[in-house]
PDB file of N, CA and C in Angstrom:
ATOM      1  N   UNK A   1       0.558  -0.932   0.521  1.00  0.00           N
ATOM      2  CA  UNK A   1      -0.077   0.093  -0.225  1.00  0.00           C
ATOM      3  C   UNK A   1       0.367   1.377   0.154  1.00  0.00           C
ATOM      4  N   UNK A   2       0.787   1.922  -0.542  1.00  0.00           N
ATOM      5  CA  UNK A   2       1.180   3.542  -1.117  1.00  0.00           C
ATOM      6  C   UNK A   2       1.437   3.979   0.217  1.00  0.00           C
ATOM      7  N   UNK A   3       2.111   5.121   0.987  1.00  0.00           N
ATOM      8  CA  UNK A   3       1.663   6.382   1.506  1.00  0.00           C
ATOM      9  C   UNK A   3       2.403   7.550   0.689  1.00  0.00           C
ATOM     10  N   UNK A   4       1.487   8.808   1.150  1.00  0.00           N
ATOM     11  CA  UNK A   4       2.052  10.296   0.586  1.00  0.00           C
ATOM     12  C   UNK A   4       2.816  11.105   1.551  1.00  0.00           C
ATOM     13  N   UNK A   5       4.280  11.305   1.302  1.00  0.00           N
ATOM     14  CA  UNK A   5       4.860  12.642   1.882  1.00  0.00           C
ATOM     15  C   UNK A   5       6.112  13.603   1.091  1.00  0.00           C
ATOM     16  N   UNK A   6       5.782  14.569   1.370  1.00  0.00           N
ATOM     17  CA  UNK A   6       6.625  15.782   1.261  1.00  0.00           C
ATOM     18  C   UNK A   6       6.855  15.085   0.621  1.00  0.00           C
ATOM     19  N   UNK A   7       7.765  15.902  -0.263  1.00  0.00           N
ATOM     20  CA  UNK A   7       9.143  15.958  -1.186  1.00  0.00           C
ATOM     21  C   UNK A   7      10.594  16.236   0.284  1.00  0.00           C
ATOM     22  N   UNK A   8       9.972  17.115   1.118  1.00  0.00           N
ATOM     23  CA  UNK A   8      10.839  17.528   1.767  1.00  0.00           C
ATOM     24  C   UNK A   8      11.041  16.940   3.196  1.00  0.00           C
ATOM     25  N   UNK A   9      10.694  16.169   3.421  1.00  0.00           N
ATOM     26  CA  UNK A   9       9.958  15.395   4.258  1.00  0.00           C
ATOM     27  C   UNK A   9      10.948  13.915   3.769  1.00  0.00           C
ATOM     28  N   UNK A  10      10.712  12.819   2.466  1.00  0.00           N
ATOM     29  CA  UNK A  10      11.947  12.292   2.019  1.00  0.00           C
ATOM     30  C   UNK A  10      13.043  12.951   1.645  1.00  0.00           C
ATOM     31  N   UNK A  11      13.622  14.432   1.656  1.00  0.00           N
ATOM     32  CA  UNK A  11      14.801  14.679   1.090  1.00  0.00           C
ATOM     33  C   UNK A  11      15.570  14.492   2.534  1.00  0.00           C
ATOM     34  N   UNK A  12      15.067  14.846   3.792  1.00  0.00           N
ATOM     35  CA  UNK A  12      15.450  15.338   4.877  1.00  0.00           C
ATOM     36  C   UNK A  12      15.931  14.019   5.562  1.00  0.00           C
ATOM     37  N   UNK A  13      15.032  12.853   5.361  1.00  0.00           N
ATOM     38  CA  UNK A  13      15.799  11.440   5.626  1.00  0.00           C
ATOM     39  C   UNK A  13      16.554  11.349   4.641  1.00  0.00           C
ATOM     40  N   UNK A  14      16.423  11.143   3.616  1.00  0.00           N
ATOM     41  CA  UNK A  14      17.546  10.638   2.932  1.00  0.00           C
ATOM     42  C   UNK A  14      18.842  11.893   2.997  1.00  0.00           C
ATOM     43  N   UNK A  15      19.091  12.163   3.663  1.00  0.00           N
ATOM     44  CA  UNK A  15      19.813  13.742   4.458  1.00  0.00           C
ATOM     45  C   UNK A  15      20.320  12.237   5.564  1.00  0.00           C
ATOM     46  N   UNK A  16      19.629  12.311   6.170  1.00  0.00           N
ATOM     47  CA  UNK A  16      19.942  11.539   7.320  1.00  0.00           C
ATOM     48  C   UNK A  16      20.045   9.650   7.531  1.00  0.00           C
ATOM     49  N   UNK A  17      20.743   9.526   5.939  1.00  0.00           N
ATOM     50  CA  UNK A  17      20.157   7.886   5.880  1.00  0.00           C
ATOM     51  C   UNK A  17      19.611   7.230   5.620  1.00  0.00           C
ATOM     52  N   UNK A  18      18.951   7.522   5.844  1.00  0.00           N
ATOM     53  CA  UNK A  18      17.580   6.050   5.702  1.00  0.00           C
ATOM     54  C   UNK A  18      16.615   5.650   4.553  1.00  0.00           C
ATOM     55  N   UNK A  19      17.651   6.091   3.663  1.00  0.00           N
ATOM     56  CA  UNK A  19      17.213   5.789   2.016  1.00  0.00           C
ATOM     57  C   UNK A  19      18.827   4.969   1.492  1.00  0.00           C
ATOM     58  N   UNK A  20      18.858   4.227   0.863  1.00  0.00           N
ATOM     59  CA  UNK A  20      19.611   3.866  -0.531  1.00  0.00           C
ATOM     60  C   UNK A  20      19.370   3.520  -1.719  1.00  0.00           C
ATOM     61  N   UNK A  21      20.352   3.150  -1.852  1.00  0.00           N
ATOM     62  CA  UNK A  21      19.791   3.284  -3.730  1.00  0.00           C
ATOM     63  C   UNK A  21      20.304   2.106  -3.479  1.00  0.00           C
ATOM     64  N   UNK A  22      20.319   1.409  -3.977  1.00  0.00           N
ATOM     65  CA  UNK A  22      20.860  -0.726  -4.385  1.00  0.00           C
ATOM     66  C   UNK A  22      21.867  -0.098  -5.601  1.00  0.00           C
ATOM     67  N   UNK A  23      23.483  -1.252  -5.286  1.00  0.00           N
ATOM     68  CA  UNK A  23      24.073  -1.537  -6.249  1.00  0.00           C
ATOM     69  C   UNK A  23      23.768  -1.503  -7.469  1.00  0.00           C
ATOM     70  N   UNK A  24      22.821  -2.332  -7.537  1.00  0.00           N
ATOM     71  CA  UNK A  24      21.969  -2.505  -9.152  1.00  0.00           C
ATOM     72  C   UNK A  24      21.109  -1.607 -10.460  1.00  0.00           C
ATOM     73  N   UNK A  25      21.605  -0.305  -8.681  1.00  0.00           N
ATOM     74  CA  UNK A  25      19.784   0.848  -9.601  1.00  0.00           C
ATOM     75  C   UNK A  25      21.196   1.453 -10.073  1.00  0.00           C
ATOM     76  N   UNK A  26      20.612   1.367 -12.061  1.00  0.00           N
ATOM     77  CA  UNK A  26      21.476   2.801 -13.311  1.00  0.00           C
ATOM     78  C   UNK A  26      21.820   4.022 -12.374  1.00  0.00           C
ATOM     79  N   UNK A  27      22.959   4.961 -13.018  1.00  0.00           N
ATOM     80  CA  UNK A  27      22.666   6.456 -12.658  1.00  0.00           C
ATOM     81  C   UNK A  27      21.517   6.675 -13.432  1.00  0.00           C
ATOM     82  N   UNK A  28      21.062   8.299 -13.215  1.00  0.00           N
ATOM     83  CA  UNK A  28      20.831   9.288 -12.969  1.00  0.00           C
ATOM     84  C   UNK A  28      20.813   9.029 -14.954  1.00  0.00           C
ATOM     85  N   UNK A  29      19.765   9.657 -15.811  1.00  0.00           N
ATOM     86  CA  UNK A  29      19.826   9.732 -16.942  1.00  0.00           C
ATOM     87  C   UNK A  29      19.277  11.072 -17.339  1.00  0.00           C
ATOM     88  N   UNK A  30      19.387  11.933 -16.375  1.00  0.00           N
ATOM     89  CA  UNK A  30      18.723  13.185 -17.028  1.00  0.00           C
ATOM     90  C   UNK A  30      19.232  14.413 -17.228  1.00  0.00           C
ATOM     91  N   UNK A  31      19.370  15.042 -17.738  1.00  0.00           N
ATOM     92  CA  UNK A  31      20.078  16.538 -18.405  1.00  0.00           C
ATOM     93  C   UNK A  31      19.557  17.348 -17.449  1.00  0.00           C
ATOM     94  N   UNK A  32      20.766  17.979 -17.570  1.00  0.00           N
ATOM     95  CA  UNK A  32      20.271  19.197 -16.456  1.00  0.00           C
ATOM     96  C   UNK A  32      18.683  20.705 -17.006  1.00  0.00           C
ATOM     97  N   UNK A  33      18.605  19.887 -17.461  1.00  0.00           N
ATOM     98  CA  UNK A  33      17.266  21.049 -18.076  1.00  0.00           C
ATOM     99  C   UNK A  33      15.932  20.499 -17.714  1.00  0.00           C
ATOM    100  N   UNK A  34      16.348  19.423 -17.839  1.00  0.00           N
ATOM    101  CA  UNK A  34      14.847  18.208 -16.806  1.00  0.00           C
ATOM    102  C   UNK A  34      14.952  17.754 -15.407  1.00  0.00           C
ATOM    103  N   UNK A  35      15.681  18.193 -14.900  1.00  0.00           N
ATOM    104  CA  UNK A  35      15.926  18.562 -13.323  1.00  0.00           C
ATOM    105  C   UNK A  35      15.460  20.175 -13.078  1.00  0.00           C
ATOM    106  N   UNK A  36      15.997  21.268 -14.274  1.00  0.00           N
ATOM    107  CA  UNK A  36      15.710  22.186 -13.270  1.00  0.00           C
ATOM    108  C   UNK A  36      13.490  22.267 -13.310  1.00  0.00           C
ATOM    109  N   UNK A  37      13.139  21.532 -14.544  1.00  0.00           N
ATOM    110  CA  UNK A  37      11.876  21.779 -14.223  1.00  0.00           C
ATOM    111  C   UNK A  37      11.144  20.991 -13.512  1.00  0.00           C
ATOM    112  N   UNK A  38      11.977  20.142 -12.503  1.00  0.00           N
ATOM    113  CA  UNK A  38      11.185  18.702 -12.249  1.00  0.00           C
ATOM    114  C   UNK A  38      11.326  19.475 -11.515  1.00  0.00           C
ATOM    115  N   UNK A  39      12.202  20.647 -10.211  1.00  0.00           N
ATOM    116  CA  UNK A  39      12.888  20.739  -9.278  1.00  0.00           C
ATOM    117  C   UNK A  39      11.345  22.578  -9.263  1.00  0.00           C
ATOM    118  N   UNK A  40      11.265  23.137 -10.578  1.00  0.00           N
ATOM    119  CA  UNK A  40      10.182  23.647 -10.743  1.00  0.00           C
ATOM    120  C   UNK A  40       8.760  23.847 -10.615  1.00  0.00           C
ATOM    121  N   UNK A  41       8.362  22.855 -10.780  1.00  0.00           N
ATOM    122  CA  UNK A  41       7.662  21.867 -10.918  1.00  0.00           C
ATOM    123  C   UNK A  41       7.150  21.167  -9.309  1.00  0.00           C
ATOM    124  N   UNK A  42       8.420  21.185  -8.944  1.00  0.00           N
ATOM    125  CA  UNK A  42       8.340  20.824  -6.652  1.00  0.00           C
ATOM    126  C   UNK A  42       7.504  22.142  -6.656  1.00  0.00           C
ATOM    127  N   UNK A  43       8.688  23.305  -7.030  1.00  0.00           N
ATOM    128  CA  UNK A  43       8.891  24.447  -6.293  1.00  0.00           C
ATOM    129  C   UNK A  43       6.702  24.737  -6.619  1.00  0.00           C
ATOM    130  N   UNK A  44       6.169  25.002  -7.756  1.00  0.00           N
ATOM    131  CA  UNK A  44       4.800  25.588  -7.830  1.00  0.00           C
ATOM    132  C   UNK A  44       3.519  24.654  -7.020  1.00  0.00           C
ATOM    133  N   UNK A  45       4.479  23.367  -6.387  1.00  0.00           N
ATOM    134  CA  UNK A  45       3.220  21.993  -5.867  1.00  0.00           C
ATOM    135  C   UNK A  45       2.646  21.346  -6.826  1.00  0.00           C
ATOM    136  N   UNK A  46       3.066  21.473  -8.253  1.00  0.00           N
ATOM    137  CA  UNK A  46       2.322  20.535  -9.335  1.00  0.00           C
ATOM    138  C   UNK A  46       2.437  18.790  -8.535  1.00  0.00           C
ATOM    139  N   UNK A  47       1.724  18.377  -9.659  1.00  0.00           N
ATOM    140  CA  UNK A  47       1.594  16.539  -9.144  1.00  0.00           C
ATOM    141  C   UNK A  47       3.065  16.032  -9.815  1.00  0.00           C
ATOM    142  N   UNK A  48       3.288  15.403  -8.992  1.00  0.00           N
ATOM    143  CA  UNK A  48       4.650  14.887  -9.508  1.00  0.00           C
ATOM    144  C   UNK A  48       4.986  13.532  -9.606  1.00  0.00           C
ATOM    145  N   UNK A  49       5.293  12.284 -10.232  1.00  0.00           N
ATOM    146  CA  UNK A  49       5.618  10.934  -9.994  1.00  0.00           C
ATOM    147  C   UNK A  49       5.388  10.520  -8.176  1.00  0.00           C
ATOM    148  N   UNK A  50       5.901   8.939  -8.936  1.00  0.00           N
ATOM    149  CA  UNK A  50       5.724   8.700  -6.983  1.00  0.00           C
ATOM    150  C   UNK A  50       7.388   7.984  -7.534  1.00  0.00           C
ATOM    151  N   UNK A  51       7.882   7.536  -6.079  1.00  0.00           N
ATOM    152  CA  UNK A  51       8.903   6.814  -6.258  1.00  0.00           C
ATOM    153  C   UNK A  51       9.194   5.225  -5.342  1.00  0.00           C
ATOM    154  N   UNK A  52       9.330   4.573  -5.827  1.00  0.00           N
ATOM    155  CA  UNK A  52       9.162   2.618  -5.007  1.00  0.00           C
ATOM    156  C   UNK A  52      10.057   2.897  -4.430  1.00  0.00           C
ATOM    157  N   UNK A  53       9.964   2.781  -3.706  1.00  0.00           N
ATOM    158  CA  UNK A  53      10.663   1.972  -2.063  1.00  0.00           C
ATOM    159  C   UNK A  53      10.650   0.804  -1.652  1.00  0.00           C
ATOM    160  N   UNK A  54      12.247  -0.324  -1.750  1.00  0.00           N
ATOM    161  CA  UNK A  54      11.553  -1.698  -1.470  1.00  0.00           C
ATOM    162  C   UNK A  54      12.008  -1.075   0.471  1.00  0.00           C
ATOM    163  N   UNK A  55      10.964  -2.340   0.935  1.00  0.00           N
ATOM    164  CA  UNK A  55      11.826  -2.177   2.441  1.00  0.00           C
ATOM    165  C   UNK A  55      12.332  -3.994   2.449  1.00  0.00           C
ATOM    166  N   UNK A  56      13.418  -4.188   3.091  1.00  0.00           N
ATOM    167  CA  UNK A  56      13.524  -5.195   2.874  1.00  0.00           C
ATOM    168  C   UNK A  56      14.610  -5.536   4.194  1.00  0.00           C
ATOM    169  N   UNK A  57      14.362  -7.037   4.720  1.00  0.00           N
ATOM    170  CA  UNK A  57      15.510  -7.118   6.234  1.00  0.00           C
ATOM    171  C   UNK A  57      16.958  -7.599   5.826  1.00  0.00           C
ATOM    172  N   UNK A  58      17.214  -8.206   4.194  1.00  0.00           N
ATOM    173  CA  UNK A  58      17.933  -8.332   3.885  1.00  0.00           C
ATOM    174  C   UNK A  58      18.393  -7.630   2.062  1.00  0.00           C
ATOM    175  N   UNK A  59      18.736  -6.606   2.487  1.00  0.00           N
ATOM    176  CA  UNK A  59      19.373  -6.356   1.509  1.00  0.00           C
ATOM    177  C   UNK A  59      20.501  -5.806   0.869  1.00  0.00           C
ATOM    178  N   UNK A  60      20.110  -6.001  -1.352  1.00  0.00           N
ATOM    179  CA  UNK A  60      21.950  -6.457  -1.111  1.00  0.00           C
ATOM    180  C   UNK A  60      22.863  -4.914  -1.323  1.00  0.00           C
ATOM    181  N   UNK A  61      23.979  -5.435  -1.938  1.00  0.00           N
ATOM    182  CA  UNK A  61      24.176  -4.536  -2.306  1.00  0.00           C
ATOM    183  C   UNK A  61      23.758  -3.271  -1.729  1.00  0.00           C
ATOM    184  N   UNK A  62      24.447  -2.450  -1.468  1.00  0.00           N
ATOM    185  CA  UNK A  62      23.862  -0.521  -1.762  1.00  0.00           C
ATOM    186  C   UNK A  62      25.208  -0.070  -1.787  1.00  0.00           C
ATOM    187  N   UNK A  63      24.851   1.282  -2.702  1.00  0.00           N
ATOM    188  CA  UNK A  63      25.973   2.145  -3.821  1.00  0.00           C
ATOM    189  C   UNK A  63      26.822   3.061  -2.755  1.00  0.00           C
ATOM    190  N   UNK A  64      26.210   3.193  -1.651  1.00  0.00           N
ATOM    191  CA  UNK A  64      26.877   4.538  -0.593  1.00  0.00           C
ATOM    192  C   UNK A  64      27.244   3.387   0.902  1.00  0.00           C
ATOM    193  N   UNK A  65      28.531   3.752   1.026  1.00  0.00           N
ATOM    194  CA  UNK A  65      29.519   3.252   2.392  1.00  0.00           C
ATOM    195  C   UNK A  65      29.156   3.640   3.478  1.00  0.00           C
ATOM    196  N   UNK A  66      27.930   4.422   4.077  1.00  0.00           N
ATOM    197  CA  UNK A  66      27.738   5.120   4.765  1.00  0.00           C
ATOM    198  C   UNK A  66      26.596   4.482   6.014  1.00  0.00           C
ATOM    199  N   UNK A  67      26.126   3.434   6.273  1.00  0.00           N
ATOM    200  CA  UNK A  67      25.335   2.876   6.724  1.00  0.00           C
ATOM    201  C   UNK A  67      24.391   2.965   7.975  1.00  0.00           C
ATOM    202  N   UNK A  68      23.165   2.821   8.372  1.00  0.00           N
ATOM    203  CA  UNK A  68      22.039   3.864   9.321  1.00  0.00           C
ATOM    204  C   UNK A  68      22.584   3.733  10.911  1.00  0.00           C
ATOM    205  N   UNK A  69      22.043   3.295  11.527  1.00  0.00           N
ATOM    206  CA  UNK A  69      23.000   3.629  12.819  1.00  0.00           C
ATOM    207  C   UNK A  69      21.900   3.880  13.408  1.00  0.00           C
ATOM    208  N   UNK A  70      20.924   3.573  13.709  1.00  0.00           N
ATOM    209  CA  UNK A  70      19.390   3.252  14.714  1.00  0.00           C
ATOM    210  C   UNK A  70      19.632   1.956  14.497  1.00  0.00           C
ATOM    211  N   UNK A  71      18.562   1.013  15.162  1.00  0.00           N
ATOM    212  CA  UNK A  71      18.634   0.132  15.362  1.00  0.00           C
ATOM    213  C   UNK A  71      16.989  -1.058  14.776  1.00  0.00           C
ATOM    214  N   UNK A  72      16.944  -0.033  13.403  1.00  0.00           N
ATOM    215  CA  UNK A  72      15.923  -0.582  12.748  1.00  0.00           C
ATOM    216  C   UNK A  72      15.690  -1.872  11.731  1.00  0.00           C
ATOM    217  N   UNK A  73      15.359  -3.064  11.550  1.00  0.00           N
ATOM    218  CA  UNK A  73      16.197  -4.011  10.978  1.00  0.00           C
ATOM    219  C   UNK A  73      15.656  -4.264   9.949  1.00  0.00           C
ATOM    220  N   UNK A  74      15.395  -3.998   9.118  1.00  0.00           N
ATOM    221  CA  UNK A  74      15.422  -3.122   7.863  1.00  0.00           C
ATOM    222  C   UNK A  74      15.685  -1.989   6.447  1.00  0.00           C
ATOM    223  N   UNK A  75      16.298  -2.300   6.131  1.00  0.00           N
ATOM    224  CA  UNK A  75      17.202  -0.368   5.182  1.00  0.00           C
ATOM    225  C   UNK A  75      15.583  -0.925   3.797  1.00  0.00           C
ATOM    226  N   UNK A  76      15.838   0.904   3.585  1.00  0.00           N
ATOM    227  CA  UNK A  76      14.657   1.218   2.217  1.00  0.00           C
ATOM    228  C   UNK A  76      15.839   2.269   0.877  1.00  0.00           C
ATOM    229  N   UNK A  77      15.356   1.463   0.219  1.00  0.00           N
ATOM    230  CA  UNK A  77      16.463   1.516  -1.043  1.00  0.00           C
ATOM    231  C   UNK A  77      15.083   2.218  -1.864  1.00  0.00           C
ATOM    232  N   UNK A  78      15.701   3.211  -2.869  1.00  0.00           N
ATOM    233  CA  UNK A  78      15.069   3.991  -4.089  1.00  0.00           C
ATOM    234  C   UNK A  78      14.899   2.706  -5.081  1.00  0.00           C
ATOM    235  N   UNK A  79      14.594   2.387  -6.323  1.00  0.00           N
ATOM    236  CA  UNK A  79      14.441   1.894  -7.317  1.00  0.00           C
ATOM    237  C   UNK A  79      13.639   3.054  -7.877  1.00  0.00           C
ATOM    238  N   UNK A  80      13.816   2.776  -9.144  1.00  0.00           N
ATOM    239  CA  UNK A  80      13.005   3.822 -10.305  1.00  0.00           C
ATOM    240  C   UNK A  80      12.211   2.442 -11.303  1.00  0.00           C
ATOM    241  N   UNK A  81      12.803   1.281 -11.068  1.00  0.00           N
ATOM    242  CA  UNK A  81      11.716   0.699 -11.637  1.00  0.00           C
ATOM    243  C   UNK A  81      12.375   0.688 -13.717  1.00  0.00           C
ATOM    244  N   UNK A  82      13.074   1.058 -14.032  1.00  0.00           N
ATOM    245  CA  UNK A  82      13.439   1.203 -15.460  1.00  0.00           C
ATOM    246  C   UNK A  82      15.431   0.719 -15.427  1.00  0.00           C
ATOM    247  N   UNK A  83      14.884   0.271 -14.611  1.00  0.00           N
ATOM    248  CA  UNK A  83      16.933  -0.530 -15.177  1.00  0.00           C
ATOM    249  C   UNK A  83      17.336  -1.226 -16.492  1.00  0.00           C
ATOM    250  N   UNK A  84      17.814  -1.018 -16.949  1.00  0.00           N
ATOM    251  CA  UNK A  84      18.287  -1.025 -17.854  1.00  0.00           C
ATOM    252  C   UNK A  84      19.731  -1.367 -18.052  1.00  0.00           C
ATOM    253  N   UNK A  85      19.980  -1.853 -19.740  1.00  0.00           N
ATOM    254  CA  UNK A  85      21.919  -2.126 -19.898  1.00  0.00           C
ATOM    255  C   UNK A  85      22.965  -1.422 -19.475  1.00  0.00           C
TER     256      UNK A  85
END
């Protein structure tokens, strides 16, 4: 079941190392102009797409060397659902 939260809440959690990217996740492919347009949409409060978050007990390798310091028994991984070679 999906949940809704503000982009600011998500960004704060990312800064606190609550979300990670799995090693198999491809890199971003957005141009600087696309990023600019996306942030403009966020600024004006326009609806945006969603993030797919995989909440797992035994995560695969992650791209970051940082690990969580709290006692949670799960890891949240952000996926984009469009893996490509």
